[in-house]
Amino acid sequence: MYLPVPWNLDSIIQFGLNDTDTCQDGWIYPDAKKRSLINEFDLVCGMETKKDTAQIMFMAGLPIGSLIFRLITDKMGRYPAILLSLLGLIIFGFGTAFMNSFHLYLFFRFGISQSVVGY
């Protein structure tokens, strides 16, 4: 949020013509018809780090999924491992699409990354 600064030379040199402040009254999305991770879970006004958390959860699931599907492939073979990973993609994919909670979204995103490795 931009705040005007006093019109003295020292304030303009320090802040420019506007100073920034965090959101005080929330955020109004101008294009509410377009759905995204940002406007679904309201990841603005100090919550920007949660966007990175979704990517971190995806990347953390990749090595764990590789360990899990390595064991499944060794014990049962490639064909059952591929079928299990496709089943995981279906379950976690639909779960991710219909989540209302950000924490459950992270859980299902983690499951998707594990299933992607298995496939």
C-alpha atoms as a PDB file:
ATOM      1  CA  MET A   1       0.000   0.000   0.000  1.00  0.00           C
ATOM      2  CA  TYR A   2       1.428   3.354  -0.963  1.00  0.00           C
ATOM      3  CA  LEU A   3       1.424   6.195   1.541  1.00  0.00           C
ATOM      4  CA  PRO A   4       2.189   9.788   0.567  1.00  0.00           C
ATOM      5  CA  VAL A   5       5.216  11.310   2.263  1.00  0.00           C
ATOM      6  CA  PRO A   6       5.559  14.836   3.600  1.00  0.00           C
ATOM      7  CA  TRP A   7       6.675  17.281   0.935  1.00  0.00           C
ATOM      8  CA  ASN A   8      10.070  18.083   2.371  1.00  0.00           C
ATOM      9  CA  LEU A   9      13.311  17.255   0.603  1.00  0.00           C
ATOM     10  CA  ASP A  10      14.633  14.801   3.226  1.00  0.00           C
ATOM     11  CA  SER A  11      11.507  12.592   3.118  1.00  0.00           C
ATOM     12  CA  ILE A  12      11.444  12.571  -0.678  1.00  0.00           C
ATOM     13  CA  ILE A  13      15.131  11.581  -0.834  1.00  0.00           C
ATOM     14  CA  GLN A  14      14.631   8.801   1.735  1.00  0.00           C
ATOM     15  CA  PHE A  15      11.322   7.314   0.494  1.00  0.00           C
ATOM     16  CA  GLY A  16      10.761   8.736  -2.964  1.00  0.00           C
ATOM     17  CA  LEU A  17       7.354  10.250  -3.625  1.00  0.00           C
ATOM     18  CA  ASN A  18       5.550   7.366  -1.896  1.00  0.00           C
ATOM     19  CA  ASP A  19       6.318   5.198   1.101  1.00  0.00           C
ATOM     20  CA  THR A  20       4.991   1.632   1.261  1.00  0.00           C
ATOM     21  CA  ASP A  21       3.118   0.036   4.131  1.00  0.00           C
ATOM     22  CA  THR A  22       1.578  -3.405   4.636  1.00  0.00           C
ATOM     23  CA  CYS A  23      -2.106  -3.976   3.979  1.00  0.00           C
ATOM     24  CA  GLN A  24      -4.286  -2.729   6.785  1.00  0.00           C
ATOM     25  CA  ASP A  25      -7.762  -3.530   5.490  1.00  0.00           C
ATOM     26  CA  GLY A  26      -7.073  -6.632   3.408  1.00  0.00           C
ATOM     27  CA  TRP A  27      -7.016  -6.864  -0.364  1.00  0.00           C
ATOM     28  CA  ILE A  28      -9.699  -6.511  -3.010  1.00  0.00           C
ATOM     29  CA  TYR A  29      -8.977  -8.533  -6.119  1.00  0.00           C
ATOM     30  CA  PRO A  30      -9.846  -6.574  -9.251  1.00  0.00           C
ATOM     31  CA  ASP A  31     -10.389  -9.678 -11.410  1.00  0.00           C
ATOM     32  CA  ALA A  32     -12.258 -12.045  -9.085  1.00  0.00           C
ATOM     33  CA  LYS A  33     -13.358 -14.346 -11.916  1.00  0.00           C
ATOM     34  CA  LYS A  34      -9.816 -15.546 -12.563  1.00  0.00           C
ATOM     35  CA  ARG A  35      -8.950 -18.202  -9.973  1.00  0.00           C
ATOM     36  CA  SER A  36      -5.387 -18.698  -8.801  1.00  0.00           C
ATOM     37  CA  LEU A  37      -3.482 -19.894  -5.771  1.00  0.00           C
ATOM     38  CA  ILE A  38      -3.038 -16.279  -4.697  1.00  0.00           C
ATOM     39  CA  ASN A  39      -6.698 -15.285  -4.556  1.00  0.00           C
ATOM     40  CA  GLU A  40      -8.053 -18.661  -3.435  1.00  0.00           C
ATOM     41  CA  PHE A  41      -5.969 -18.745  -0.251  1.00  0.00           C
ATOM     42  CA  ASP A  42      -5.517 -14.942   0.078  1.00  0.00           C
ATOM     43  CA  LEU A  43      -1.716 -15.037  -0.108  1.00  0.00           C
ATOM     44  CA  VAL A  44      -1.162 -11.275   0.004  1.00  0.00           C
ATOM     45  CA  CYS A  45      -0.535  -8.738   2.764  1.00  0.00           C
ATOM     46  CA  GLY A  46       2.337 -10.484   4.522  1.00  0.00           C
ATOM     47  CA  MET A  47       1.444 -14.020   3.411  1.00  0.00           C
ATOM     48  CA  GLU A  48       3.684 -14.017   0.325  1.00  0.00           C
ATOM     49  CA  THR A  49       6.032 -16.631   1.814  1.00  0.00           C
ATOM     50  CA  LYS A  50       3.258 -19.235   1.658  1.00  0.00           C
ATOM     51  CA  LYS A  51       3.553 -19.190  -2.142  1.00  0.00           C
ATOM     52  CA  ASP A  52       7.097 -20.461  -1.756  1.00  0.00           C
ATOM     53  CA  THR A  53       5.956 -23.057   0.772  1.00  0.00           C
ATOM     54  CA  ALA A  54       3.799 -24.735  -1.885  1.00  0.00           C
ATOM     55  CA  GLN A  55       6.840 -25.086  -4.151  1.00  0.00           C
ATOM     56  CA  ILE A  56       8.994 -26.332  -1.274  1.00  0.00           C
ATOM     57  CA  MET A  57       6.440 -29.027  -0.444  1.00  0.00           C
ATOM     58  CA  PHE A  58       6.407 -30.169  -4.059  1.00  0.00           C
ATOM     59  CA  MET A  59      10.196 -30.335  -4.192  1.00  0.00           C
ATOM     60  CA  ALA A  60      10.379 -32.126  -0.815  1.00  0.00           C
ATOM     61  CA  GLY A  61       8.048 -34.835  -2.077  1.00  0.00           C
ATOM     62  CA  LEU A  62      10.280 -35.705  -5.019  1.00  0.00           C
ATOM     63  CA  PRO A  63      13.131 -37.396  -3.103  1.00  0.00           C
ATOM     64  CA  ILE A  64      10.737 -39.059  -0.662  1.00  0.00           C
ATOM     65  CA  GLY A  65       8.638 -40.350  -3.542  1.00  0.00           C
ATOM     66  CA  SER A  66      11.719 -41.702  -5.274  1.00  0.00           C
ATOM     67  CA  LEU A  67      12.638 -43.673  -2.160  1.00  0.00           C
ATOM     68  CA  ILE A  68       9.098 -45.019  -1.732  1.00  0.00           C
ATOM     69  CA  PHE A  69       8.608 -46.002  -5.359  1.00  0.00           C
ATOM     70  CA  ARG A  70      12.090 -47.509  -5.529  1.00  0.00           C
ATOM     71  CA  LEU A  71      11.066 -49.941  -2.796  1.00  0.00           C
ATOM     72  CA  ILE A  72       7.674 -50.612  -4.402  1.00  0.00           C
ATOM     73  CA  THR A  73       9.300 -51.262  -7.780  1.00  0.00           C
ATOM     74  CA  ASP A  74      11.870 -53.616  -6.265  1.00  0.00           C
ATOM     75  CA  LYS A  75       9.259 -55.610  -4.347  1.00  0.00           C
ATOM     76  CA  MET A  76       6.326 -55.685  -6.799  1.00  0.00           C
ATOM     77  CA  GLY A  77       7.702 -54.713 -10.200  1.00  0.00           C
ATOM     78  CA  ARG A  78       7.281 -51.817 -12.593  1.00  0.00           C
ATOM     79  CA  TYR A  79       3.701 -52.384 -13.670  1.00  0.00           C
ATOM     80  CA  PRO A  80       2.107 -52.281 -10.176  1.00  0.00           C
ATOM     81  CA  ALA A  81       4.294 -49.282  -9.289  1.00  0.00           C
ATOM     82  CA  ILE A  82       3.045 -47.369 -12.328  1.00  0.00           C
ATOM     83  CA  LEU A  83      -0.563 -48.278 -11.487  1.00  0.00           C
ATOM     84  CA  LEU A  84      -0.094 -47.122  -7.891  1.00  0.00           C
ATOM     85  CA  SER A  85       1.442 -43.864  -9.046  1.00  0.00           C
ATOM     86  CA  LEU A  86      -1.451 -43.264 -11.461  1.00  0.00           C
ATOM     87  CA  LEU A  87      -3.915 -43.979  -8.665  1.00  0.00           C
ATOM     88  CA  GLY A  88      -2.015 -41.517  -6.475  1.00  0.00           C
ATOM     89  CA  LEU A  89      -2.115 -38.900  -9.225  1.00  0.00           C
ATOM     90  CA  ILE A  90      -5.882 -39.304  -9.552  1.00  0.00           C
ATOM     91  CA  ILE A  91      -6.557 -39.157  -5.810  1.00  0.00           C
ATOM     92  CA  PHE A  92      -4.139 -36.357  -4.974  1.00  0.00           C
ATOM     93  CA  GLY A  93      -4.966 -34.441  -8.156  1.00  0.00           C
ATOM     94  CA  PHE A  94      -8.676 -34.330  -7.432  1.00  0.00           C
ATOM     95  CA  GLY A  95      -7.937 -33.582  -3.793  1.00  0.00           C
ATOM     96  CA  THR A  96      -5.776 -30.614  -4.760  1.00  0.00           C
ATOM     97  CA  ALA A  97      -8.437 -29.259  -7.072  1.00  0.00           C
ATOM     98  CA  PHE A  98     -11.135 -29.130  -4.412  1.00  0.00           C
ATOM     99  CA  MET A  99      -9.246 -28.072  -1.264  1.00  0.00           C
ATOM    100  CA  ASN A 100     -10.454 -25.114   0.791  1.00  0.00           C
ATOM    101  CA  SER A 101      -7.636 -25.183   3.349  1.00  0.00           C
ATOM    102  CA  PHE A 102      -4.085 -24.162   2.525  1.00  0.00           C
ATOM    103  CA  HIS A 103      -2.594 -26.861   4.780  1.00  0.00           C
ATOM    104  CA  LEU A 104      -4.569 -29.611   3.067  1.00  0.00           C
ATOM    105  CA  TYR A 105      -3.538 -28.134  -0.279  1.00  0.00           C
ATOM    106  CA  LEU A 106       0.106 -28.524   0.796  1.00  0.00           C
ATOM    107  CA  PHE A 107      -0.519 -32.142   1.834  1.00  0.00           C
ATOM    108  CA  PHE A 108      -2.096 -33.041  -1.499  1.00  0.00           C
ATOM    109  CA  ARG A 109       0.614 -31.166  -3.409  1.00  0.00           C
ATOM    110  CA  PHE A 110       3.183 -33.254  -1.520  1.00  0.00           C
ATOM    111  CA  GLY A 111       1.315 -36.429  -2.547  1.00  0.00           C
ATOM    112  CA  ILE A 112       1.232 -35.328  -6.190  1.00  0.00           C
ATOM    113  CA  SER A 113       4.989 -34.883  -6.247  1.00  0.00           C
ATOM    114  CA  GLN A 114       5.499 -38.377  -4.865  1.00  0.00           C
ATOM    115  CA  SER A 115       3.164 -39.837  -7.482  1.00  0.00           C
ATOM    116  CA  VAL A 116       4.886 -37.959 -10.288  1.00  0.00           C
ATOM    117  CA  VAL A 117       8.188 -39.578  -9.381  1.00  0.00           C
ATOM    118  CA  GLY A 118       6.594 -43.033  -9.403  1.00  0.00           C
ATOM    119  CA  TYR A 119       5.156 -42.492 -12.836  1.00  0.00           C
END
